[in-house]
Amino acid sequence: MRSGLGPWPVLALAGVLLAAVPGCREDEQNRVLGLEKGVYAGASDTELTEEQRRELRQRGERQRF
């Protein structure tokens, strides 16, 4: 016959420790959880410079067949 409490105290301690640890990373805290269908809720994009537009046009031209 075995004596002692077995694994239950260790499991209980592990459960308490896991409950005390936050479940999300810092960058995932306080973000919008309610989303509206079809509406972008992110930060606004910045306008492309004329140089960036020119480079994109050139890349597009190189991809034509």
Foldseek 3Di string as FASTA:
>chain_A
DDDDDPCVVVVVVVVVVVVPDDDDDPVPPPDDDDDDPPDDPDDDDDDDDPVVVVVVVVVVVVPDD
